[in-house]
PDB file of N, CA and C in Angstrom:
ATOM      1  N   MET A   1       1.047  -1.046   0.026  1.00  0.00           N
ATOM      2  CA  MET A   1       0.254   0.198   0.230  1.00  0.00           C
ATOM      3  C   MET A   1       0.708   0.741  -0.227  1.00  0.00           C
ATOM      4  N   SER A   2       0.760   2.197  -1.000  1.00  0.00           N
ATOM      5  CA  SER A   2       1.413   3.059  -1.149  1.00  0.00           C
ATOM      6  C   SER A   2       0.819   4.519  -0.002  1.00  0.00           C
ATOM      7  N   PRO A   3       2.075   4.897   1.443  1.00  0.00           N
ATOM      8  CA  PRO A   3       1.454   5.327   2.085  1.00  0.00           C
ATOM      9  C   PRO A   3       0.982   7.175   1.152  1.00  0.00           C
ATOM     10  N   ALA A   4       1.230   7.110   0.119  1.00  0.00           N
ATOM     11  CA  ALA A   4       0.543   8.038  -0.169  1.00  0.00           C
ATOM     12  C   ALA A   4      -0.733   8.287  -0.464  1.00  0.00           C
ATOM     13  N   SER A   5      -1.368   7.091  -0.762  1.00  0.00           N
ATOM     14  CA  SER A   5      -2.718   6.731  -0.834  1.00  0.00           C
ATOM     15  C   SER A   5      -3.560   6.884   0.326  1.00  0.00           C
ATOM     16  N   TYR A   6      -3.024   6.259   0.780  1.00  0.00           N
ATOM     17  CA  TYR A   6      -3.614   5.835   2.588  1.00  0.00           C
ATOM     18  C   TYR A   6      -2.842   6.776   3.928  1.00  0.00           C
ATOM     19  N   ALA A   7      -3.334   7.884   3.629  1.00  0.00           N
ATOM     20  CA  ALA A   7      -3.071   8.629   5.011  1.00  0.00           C
ATOM     21  C   ALA A   7      -3.676   8.864   6.092  1.00  0.00           C
ATOM     22  N   PRO A   8      -4.082   8.486   6.920  1.00  0.00           N
ATOM     23  CA  PRO A   8      -5.300   8.489   8.345  1.00  0.00           C
ATOM     24  C   PRO A   8      -4.969   9.765   9.014  1.00  0.00           C
ATOM     25  N   CYS A   9      -5.493  10.831   9.607  1.00  0.00           N
ATOM     26  CA  CYS A   9      -4.922  11.973  10.382  1.00  0.00           C
ATOM     27  C   CYS A   9      -5.066  11.439  11.366  1.00  0.00           C
ATOM     28  N   ALA A  10      -4.493  12.046  12.090  1.00  0.00           N
ATOM     29  CA  ALA A  10      -4.129  11.769  13.822  1.00  0.00           C
ATOM     30  C   ALA A  10      -5.205  11.920  14.685  1.00  0.00           C
ATOM     31  N   VAL A  11      -5.823  12.842  15.007  1.00  0.00           N
ATOM     32  CA  VAL A  11      -7.362  12.554  15.263  1.00  0.00           C
ATOM     33  C   VAL A  11      -8.044  13.114  15.000  1.00  0.00           C
ATOM     34  N   GLY A  12      -9.590  12.629  14.883  1.00  0.00           N
ATOM     35  CA  GLY A  12     -10.551  13.137  13.513  1.00  0.00           C
ATOM     36  C   GLY A  12     -10.787  11.719  13.188  1.00  0.00           C
ATOM     37  N   LEU A  13     -11.528  11.876  11.823  1.00  0.00           N
ATOM     38  CA  LEU A  13     -12.056  10.823  11.271  1.00  0.00           C
ATOM     39  C   LEU A  13     -11.602  10.840   9.401  1.00  0.00           C
ATOM     40  N   HIS A  14     -11.382   9.856   9.354  1.00  0.00           N
ATOM     41  CA  HIS A  14     -10.482   9.287   8.235  1.00  0.00           C
ATOM     42  C   HIS A  14     -11.870   8.681   7.515  1.00  0.00           C
ATOM     43  N   VAL A  15     -11.758   8.939   5.971  1.00  0.00           N
ATOM     44  CA  VAL A  15     -12.885   8.293   4.737  1.00  0.00           C
ATOM     45  C   VAL A  15     -12.562   7.782   4.105  1.00  0.00           C
ATOM     46  N   CYS A  16     -12.346   6.055   4.517  1.00  0.00           N
ATOM     47  CA  CYS A  16     -11.443   5.244   2.727  1.00  0.00           C
ATOM     48  C   CYS A  16     -12.440   4.872   2.138  1.00  0.00           C
ATOM     49  N   GLY A  17     -11.585   4.442   1.336  1.00  0.00           N
ATOM     50  CA  GLY A  17     -12.413   3.757  -0.095  1.00  0.00           C
ATOM     51  C   GLY A  17     -11.567   2.781  -0.890  1.00  0.00           C
ATOM     52  N   MET A  18     -11.883   2.189  -1.535  1.00  0.00           N
ATOM     53  CA  MET A  18     -10.518   1.098  -2.509  1.00  0.00           C
ATOM     54  C   MET A  18     -10.387   1.793  -4.198  1.00  0.00           C
ATOM     55  N   SER A  19      -9.424   1.310  -4.107  1.00  0.00           N
ATOM     56  CA  SER A  19      -8.474   2.269  -5.372  1.00  0.00           C
ATOM     57  C   SER A  19      -9.427   1.593  -6.416  1.00  0.00           C
ATOM     58  N   GLU A  20      -9.377   2.244  -7.762  1.00  0.00           N
ATOM     59  CA  GLU A  20     -10.014   2.247  -9.009  1.00  0.00           C
ATOM     60  C   GLU A  20      -9.573   0.488  -9.351  1.00  0.00           C
ATOM     61  N   ASP A  21      -8.284   0.537  -9.007  1.00  0.00           N
ATOM     62  CA  ASP A  21      -8.630  -0.954  -9.439  1.00  0.00           C
ATOM     63  C   ASP A  21      -8.982  -2.302  -8.292  1.00  0.00           C
ATOM     64  N   GLY A  22      -8.980  -1.839  -7.185  1.00  0.00           N
ATOM     65  CA  GLY A  22      -9.559  -2.722  -6.388  1.00  0.00           C
ATOM     66  C   GLY A  22      -9.141  -3.238  -5.290  1.00  0.00           C
ATOM     67  N   THR A  23      -7.814  -2.973  -5.482  1.00  0.00           N
ATOM     68  CA  THR A  23      -6.697  -3.352  -5.193  1.00  0.00           C
ATOM     69  C   THR A  23      -6.031  -3.201  -3.561  1.00  0.00           C
ATOM     70  N   GLU A  24      -6.221  -1.795  -2.993  1.00  0.00           N
ATOM     71  CA  GLU A  24      -5.530  -0.960  -2.044  1.00  0.00           C
ATOM     72  C   GLU A  24      -7.080   0.006  -1.226  1.00  0.00           C
ATOM     73  N   ALA A  25      -6.531   0.250  -0.488  1.00  0.00           N
ATOM     74  CA  ALA A  25      -7.814   0.847   0.520  1.00  0.00           C
ATOM     75  C   ALA A  25      -6.834   2.354   0.181  1.00  0.00           C
ATOM     76  N   VAL A  26      -7.970   3.245  -0.024  1.00  0.00           N
ATOM     77  CA  VAL A  26      -7.044   4.680  -0.204  1.00  0.00           C
ATOM     78  C   VAL A  26      -7.834   5.483   0.438  1.00  0.00           C
ATOM     79  N   THR A  27      -6.924   6.526   1.372  1.00  0.00           N
ATOM     80  CA  THR A  27      -8.201   7.969   1.775  1.00  0.00           C
ATOM     81  C   THR A  27      -8.722   8.605   0.991  1.00  0.00           C
ATOM     82  N   VAL A  28      -9.948   8.723   0.774  1.00  0.00           N
ATOM     83  CA  VAL A  28     -10.906  10.140   0.001  1.00  0.00           C
ATOM     84  C   VAL A  28     -10.976  11.303   1.217  1.00  0.00           C
ATOM     85  N   LEU A  29     -11.267  11.065   2.359  1.00  0.00           N
ATOM     86  CA  LEU A  29     -10.825  12.390   3.258  1.00  0.00           C
ATOM     87  C   LEU A  29     -11.105  12.347   4.863  1.00  0.00           C
ATOM     88  N   ASN A  30      -9.945  13.529   5.237  1.00  0.00           N
ATOM     89  CA  ASN A  30      -9.592  12.839   6.713  1.00  0.00           C
ATOM     90  C   ASN A  30      -9.987  14.621   6.757  1.00  0.00           C
ATOM     91  N   ILE A  31     -11.048  14.354   8.450  1.00  0.00           N
ATOM     92  CA  ILE A  31     -11.260  15.888   8.915  1.00  0.00           C
ATOM     93  C   ILE A  31     -11.029  15.499  10.223  1.00  0.00           C
ATOM     94  N   PRO A  32      -9.642  16.227  10.271  1.00  0.00           N
ATOM     95  CA  PRO A  32      -9.018  16.563  11.852  1.00  0.00           C
ATOM     96  C   PRO A  32     -10.145  17.439  12.599  1.00  0.00           C
ATOM     97  N   THR A  33      -9.499  16.788  14.412  1.00  0.00           N
ATOM     98  CA  THR A  33     -10.065  17.480  14.800  1.00  0.00           C
ATOM     99  C   THR A  33      -9.118  17.866  16.251  1.00  0.00           C
ATOM    100  N   ARG A  34      -9.035  18.737  16.702  1.00  0.00           N
ATOM    101  CA  ARG A  34      -8.564  19.606  17.798  1.00  0.00           C
ATOM    102  C   ARG A  34      -8.304  18.565  19.073  1.00  0.00           C
ATOM    103  N   THR A  35      -9.357  17.571  19.852  1.00  0.00           N
ATOM    104  CA  THR A  35      -9.498  17.141  20.655  1.00  0.00           C
ATOM    105  C   THR A  35      -9.894  15.690  20.131  1.00  0.00           C
ATOM    106  N   ALA A  36      -9.657  14.616  21.035  1.00  0.00           N
ATOM    107  CA  ALA A  36     -10.687  13.375  20.758  1.00  0.00           C
ATOM    108  C   ALA A  36     -12.332  13.661  20.894  1.00  0.00           C
ATOM    109  N   ALA A  37     -12.169  13.619  22.011  1.00  0.00           N
ATOM    110  CA  ALA A  37     -13.775  14.685  22.753  1.00  0.00           C
ATOM    111  C   ALA A  37     -14.393  15.058  21.126  1.00  0.00           C
ATOM    112  N   GLU A  38     -13.781  15.487  20.664  1.00  0.00           N
ATOM    113  CA  GLU A  38     -14.704  16.736  19.668  1.00  0.00           C
ATOM    114  C   GLU A  38     -14.624  15.565  18.481  1.00  0.00           C
ATOM    115  N   ALA A  39     -13.582  14.585  18.632  1.00  0.00           N
ATOM    116  CA  ALA A  39     -13.746  13.455  17.409  1.00  0.00           C
ATOM    117  C   ALA A  39     -14.798  12.552  17.549  1.00  0.00           C
ATOM    118  N   HIS A  40     -15.047  12.257  18.868  1.00  0.00           N
ATOM    119  CA  HIS A  40     -16.084  11.159  19.276  1.00  0.00           C
ATOM    120  C   HIS A  40     -17.472  12.137  19.068  1.00  0.00           C
ATOM    121  N   ARG A  41     -17.526  13.592  19.406  1.00  0.00           N
ATOM    122  CA  ARG A  41     -18.848  13.565  19.000  1.00  0.00           C
ATOM    123  C   ARG A  41     -19.470  13.726  17.690  1.00  0.00           C
ATOM    124  N   LEU A  42     -17.876  14.165  16.689  1.00  0.00           N
ATOM    125  CA  LEU A  42     -18.422  14.237  15.448  1.00  0.00           C
ATOM    126  C   LEU A  42     -18.907  12.905  14.914  1.00  0.00           C
ATOM    127  N   PHE A  43     -18.132  12.052  15.141  1.00  0.00           N
ATOM    128  CA  PHE A  43     -17.983  10.339  14.518  1.00  0.00           C
ATOM    129  C   PHE A  43     -19.760   9.941  14.735  1.00  0.00           C
ATOM    130  N   TYR A  44     -19.851   9.711  16.177  1.00  0.00           N
ATOM    131  CA  TYR A  44     -21.575   9.397  16.504  1.00  0.00           C
ATOM    132  C   TYR A  44     -22.599   9.936  15.899  1.00  0.00           C
ATOM    133  N   ARG A  45     -22.474  11.288  15.260  1.00  0.00           N
ATOM    134  CA  ARG A  45     -23.024  12.115  14.801  1.00  0.00           C
ATOM    135  C   ARG A  45     -23.400  11.535  13.196  1.00  0.00           C
ATOM    136  N   ALA A  46     -21.831  11.454  12.663  1.00  0.00           N
ATOM    137  CA  ALA A  46     -22.165  11.446  11.501  1.00  0.00           C
ATOM    138  C   ALA A  46     -22.691  10.064  11.684  1.00  0.00           C
ATOM    139  N   LYS A  47     -21.996   8.480  12.117  1.00  0.00           N
ATOM    140  CA  LYS A  47     -22.445   7.956  12.501  1.00  0.00           C
ATOM    141  C   LYS A  47     -24.296   7.623  12.624  1.00  0.00           C
ATOM    142  N   ALA A  48     -24.912   8.765  13.312  1.00  0.00           N
ATOM    143  CA  ALA A  48     -26.174   8.207  13.504  1.00  0.00           C
ATOM    144  C   ALA A  48     -26.950   8.911  11.957  1.00  0.00           C
ATOM    145  N   GLU A  49     -26.513   9.796  11.314  1.00  0.00           N
ATOM    146  CA  GLU A  49     -26.448  10.364  10.117  1.00  0.00           C
ATOM    147  C   GLU A  49     -26.287   9.466   8.653  1.00  0.00           C
ATOM    148  N   CYS A  50     -25.421   9.217   8.349  1.00  0.00           N
ATOM    149  CA  CYS A  50     -24.623   8.839   7.190  1.00  0.00           C
ATOM    150  C   CYS A  50     -24.623   7.235   6.941  1.00  0.00           C
ATOM    151  N   GLN A  51     -24.879   6.633   7.922  1.00  0.00           N
ATOM    152  CA  GLN A  51     -24.806   5.050   8.427  1.00  0.00           C
ATOM    153  C   GLN A  51     -25.354   4.309   7.650  1.00  0.00           C
ATOM    154  N   ILE A  52     -24.818   3.084   6.949  1.00  0.00           N
ATOM    155  CA  ILE A  52     -25.753   2.654   5.744  1.00  0.00           C
ATOM    156  C   ILE A  52     -26.540   1.314   6.654  1.00  0.00           C
ATOM    157  N   ALA A  53     -27.685   1.640   5.803  1.00  0.00           N
ATOM    158  CA  ALA A  53     -28.848   0.771   6.705  1.00  0.00           C
ATOM    159  C   ALA A  53     -28.589  -0.953   5.677  1.00  0.00           C
ATOM    160  N   GLY A  54     -29.342  -1.551   6.346  1.00  0.00           N
ATOM    161  CA  GLY A  54     -29.444  -2.769   5.788  1.00  0.00           C
ATOM    162  C   GLY A  54     -28.904  -3.251   4.558  1.00  0.00           C
ATOM    163  N   GLU A  55     -29.236  -3.798   2.968  1.00  0.00           N
ATOM    164  CA  GLU A  55     -28.345  -3.925   2.414  1.00  0.00           C
ATOM    165  C   GLU A  55     -27.595  -2.738   1.152  1.00  0.00           C
ATOM    166  N   GLU A  56     -27.923  -1.725   1.473  1.00  0.00           N
ATOM    167  CA  GLU A  56     -27.028  -0.610   0.740  1.00  0.00           C
ATOM    168  C   GLU A  56     -25.690  -0.779   0.582  1.00  0.00           C
ATOM    169  N   PRO A  57     -25.706  -0.422  -0.765  1.00  0.00           N
ATOM    170  CA  PRO A  57     -23.944  -0.357  -1.206  1.00  0.00           C
ATOM    171  C   PRO A  57     -23.304  -0.006  -0.306  1.00  0.00           C
ATOM    172  N   ARG A  58     -21.983  -0.889   0.021  1.00  0.00           N
ATOM    173  CA  ARG A  58     -20.871   0.246   0.794  1.00  0.00           C
ATOM    174  C   ARG A  58     -19.900   0.660   0.126  1.00  0.00           C
ATOM    175  N   SER A  59     -19.266   1.837  -0.298  1.00  0.00           N
ATOM    176  CA  SER A  59     -18.665   1.997  -0.706  1.00  0.00           C
ATOM    177  C   SER A  59     -17.413   3.113   0.102  1.00  0.00           C
ATOM    178  N   LEU A  60     -17.308   3.421   1.048  1.00  0.00           N
ATOM    179  CA  LEU A  60     -16.865   4.243   2.250  1.00  0.00           C
ATOM    180  C   LEU A  60     -16.736   3.649   3.693  1.00  0.00           C
ATOM    181  N   VAL A  61     -15.819   4.238   4.713  1.00  0.00           N
ATOM    182  CA  VAL A  61     -15.475   3.224   6.158  1.00  0.00           C
ATOM    183  C   VAL A  61     -15.078   4.493   6.193  1.00  0.00           C
ATOM    184  N   VAL A  62     -15.948   4.966   7.419  1.00  0.00           N
ATOM    185  CA  VAL A  62     -15.645   6.258   7.988  1.00  0.00           C
ATOM    186  C   VAL A  62     -14.718   5.628   9.519  1.00  0.00           C
ATOM    187  N   ASP A  63     -13.756   5.697   9.632  1.00  0.00           N
ATOM    188  CA  ASP A  63     -12.947   5.887  10.775  1.00  0.00           C
ATOM    189  C   ASP A  63     -12.658   6.375  11.958  1.00  0.00           C
ATOM    190  N   LEU A  64     -12.991   6.492  13.354  1.00  0.00           N
ATOM    191  CA  LEU A  64     -12.740   7.450  14.269  1.00  0.00           C
ATOM    192  C   LEU A  64     -11.227   7.188  14.352  1.00  0.00           C
ATOM    193  N   CYS A  65     -10.456   7.909  14.376  1.00  0.00           N
ATOM    194  CA  CYS A  65      -8.910   8.146  14.370  1.00  0.00           C
ATOM    195  C   CYS A  65      -8.364   8.962  16.249  1.00  0.00           C
ATOM    196  N   LEU A  66      -8.379   8.520  17.229  1.00  0.00           N
ATOM    197  CA  LEU A  66      -7.909   8.776  18.268  1.00  0.00           C
ATOM    198  C   LEU A  66      -6.435   9.334  18.828  1.00  0.00           C
ATOM    199  N   GLY A  67      -5.765   9.203  17.715  1.00  0.00           N
ATOM    200  CA  GLY A  67      -3.751   9.078  18.221  1.00  0.00           C
ATOM    201  C   GLY A  67      -3.387   8.404  17.216  1.00  0.00           C
ATOM    202  N   ALA A  68      -2.156   8.251  17.765  1.00  0.00           N
ATOM    203  CA  ALA A  68      -1.119   7.125  16.747  1.00  0.00           C
ATOM    204  C   ALA A  68      -2.015   5.687  17.306  1.00  0.00           C
ATOM    205  N   ASN A  69      -1.909   5.526  18.725  1.00  0.00           N
ATOM    206  CA  ASN A  69      -2.094   4.192  19.190  1.00  0.00           C
ATOM    207  C   ASN A  69      -3.621   3.736  19.180  1.00  0.00           C
ATOM    208  N   GLU A  70      -5.067   4.603  18.383  1.00  0.00           N
ATOM    209  CA  GLU A  70      -6.144   4.542  18.137  1.00  0.00           C
ATOM    210  C   GLU A  70      -6.686   4.675  17.003  1.00  0.00           C
ATOM    211  N   HIS A  71      -5.846   4.216  16.074  1.00  0.00           N
ATOM    212  CA  HIS A  71      -6.507   4.709  14.806  1.00  0.00           C
ATOM    213  C   HIS A  71      -7.562   3.566  14.537  1.00  0.00           C
ATOM    214  N   GLY A  72      -8.735   3.931  13.925  1.00  0.00           N
ATOM    215  CA  GLY A  72      -9.567   2.806  14.101  1.00  0.00           C
ATOM    216  C   GLY A  72      -9.944   2.400  14.853  1.00  0.00           C
ATOM    217  N   ALA A  73     -10.259   3.270  15.950  1.00  0.00           N
ATOM    218  CA  ALA A  73     -10.923   3.013  17.007  1.00  0.00           C
ATOM    219  C   ALA A  73     -12.174   2.374  17.290  1.00  0.00           C
ATOM    220  N   ASP A  74     -13.468   2.735  16.206  1.00  0.00           N
ATOM    221  CA  ASP A  74     -14.093   2.746  16.003  1.00  0.00           C
ATOM    222  C   ASP A  74     -14.852   2.993  14.420  1.00  0.00           C
ATOM    223  N   ASP A  75     -15.685   2.392  13.779  1.00  0.00           N
ATOM    224  CA  ASP A  75     -15.929   2.808  12.547  1.00  0.00           C
ATOM    225  C   ASP A  75     -17.410   2.234  11.801  1.00  0.00           C
ATOM    226  N   PHE A  76     -17.856   2.710  10.959  1.00  0.00           N
ATOM    227  CA  PHE A  76     -18.795   2.857  10.041  1.00  0.00           C
ATOM    228  C   PHE A  76     -18.562   2.344   8.465  1.00  0.00           C
ATOM    229  N   SER A  77     -19.684   2.105   7.930  1.00  0.00           N
ATOM    230  CA  SER A  77     -19.766   2.161   6.195  1.00  0.00           C
ATOM    231  C   SER A  77     -20.755   2.510   5.977  1.00  0.00           C
ATOM    232  N   MET A  78     -20.560   3.584   4.669  1.00  0.00           N
ATOM    233  CA  MET A  78     -21.540   4.631   4.069  1.00  0.00           C
ATOM    234  C   MET A  78     -21.342   4.722   2.946  1.00  0.00           C
ATOM    235  N   SER A  79     -22.423   4.560   2.233  1.00  0.00           N
ATOM    236  CA  SER A  79     -22.693   5.232   0.645  1.00  0.00           C
ATOM    237  C   SER A  79     -21.457   6.591   0.874  1.00  0.00           C
ATOM    238  N   ARG A  80     -20.950   6.824  -0.987  1.00  0.00           N
ATOM    239  CA  ARG A  80     -20.188   7.359  -1.227  1.00  0.00           C
ATOM    240  C   ARG A  80     -21.544   9.119  -1.446  1.00  0.00           C
ATOM    241  N   GLN A  81     -22.607   8.851  -1.499  1.00  0.00           N
ATOM    242  CA  GLN A  81     -23.395   9.345  -1.724  1.00  0.00           C
ATOM    243  C   GLN A  81     -23.453  10.094  -0.575  1.00  0.00           C
ATOM    244  N   MET A  82     -23.145  10.073   0.596  1.00  0.00           N
ATOM    245  CA  MET A  82     -23.653  11.039   1.900  1.00  0.00           C
ATOM    246  C   MET A  82     -22.148  11.367   2.034  1.00  0.00           C
ATOM    247  N   LEU A  83     -21.245  11.450   1.764  1.00  0.00           N
ATOM    248  CA  LEU A  83     -19.664  12.343   1.560  1.00  0.00           C
ATOM    249  C   LEU A  83     -19.942  13.773   1.349  1.00  0.00           C
ATOM    250  N   ASP A  84     -20.475  14.177   0.968  1.00  0.00           N
ATOM    251  CA  ASP A  84     -21.447  15.802   1.182  1.00  0.00           C
ATOM    252  C   ASP A  84     -22.352  16.014   2.591  1.00  0.00           C
ATOM    253  N   ARG A  85     -22.757  15.212   2.821  1.00  0.00           N
ATOM    254  CA  ARG A  85     -23.272  14.943   4.370  1.00  0.00           C
ATOM    255  C   ARG A  85     -22.631  15.669   5.627  1.00  0.00           C
ATOM    256  N   LEU A  86     -21.492  14.472   5.303  1.00  0.00           N
ATOM    257  CA  LEU A  86     -20.368  13.873   6.267  1.00  0.00           C
ATOM    258  C   LEU A  86     -19.614  15.374   5.975  1.00  0.00           C
ATOM    259  N   VAL A  87     -19.582  15.981   5.092  1.00  0.00           N
ATOM    260  CA  VAL A  87     -18.734  17.499   5.164  1.00  0.00           C
ATOM    261  C   VAL A  87     -19.332  18.532   5.835  1.00  0.00           C
ATOM    262  N   VAL A  88     -20.735  18.443   5.849  1.00  0.00           N
ATOM    263  CA  VAL A  88     -21.795  19.381   6.257  1.00  0.00           C
ATOM    264  C   VAL A  88     -21.716  19.035   8.039  1.00  0.00           C
ATOM    265  N   LEU A  89     -22.097  18.033   7.906  1.00  0.00           N
ATOM    266  CA  LEU A  89     -21.447  17.771   8.964  1.00  0.00           C
ATOM    267  C   LEU A  89     -20.610  17.990  10.182  1.00  0.00           C
ATOM    268  N   ALA A  90     -19.362  18.586   9.242  1.00  0.00           N
ATOM    269  CA  ALA A  90     -18.021  18.813  10.437  1.00  0.00           C
ATOM    270  C   ALA A  90     -17.670  20.019  10.437  1.00  0.00           C
ATOM    271  N   ALA A  91     -18.435  20.610   9.108  1.00  0.00           N
ATOM    272  CA  ALA A  91     -18.308  21.775   9.212  1.00  0.00           C
ATOM    273  C   ALA A  91     -19.477  22.868  10.173  1.00  0.00           C
ATOM    274  N   GLN A  92     -20.214  21.763  10.555  1.00  0.00           N
ATOM    275  CA  GLN A  92     -21.234  22.290  11.799  1.00  0.00           C
ATOM    276  C   GLN A  92     -20.343  22.203  13.151  1.00  0.00           C
ATOM    277  N   SER A  93     -19.412  21.268  13.045  1.00  0.00           N
ATOM    278  CA  SER A  93     -19.233  21.008  14.458  1.00  0.00           C
ATOM    279  C   SER A  93     -17.998  22.067  14.940  1.00  0.00           C
TER     280      SER A  93
END
């Protein structure tokens, strides 16, 4: 995996998907936060609004990152169509 294509933030939300050829995970978006508490609040709000229900297609994974030893502390799947909503939630936090 190329470090340039997969680079999660230290503290915040990391959105990843698959490369075009489907062989590796790639970073789609990082939403860094100032604190782990802020990351938790945004993550659980985003999960409540953006998580895929049932059998919908899952194209992205949102990871909760809480520092070097806590990457991927929690995660949820969402569709690419919800990416704009996630950005709006981040701007509101």
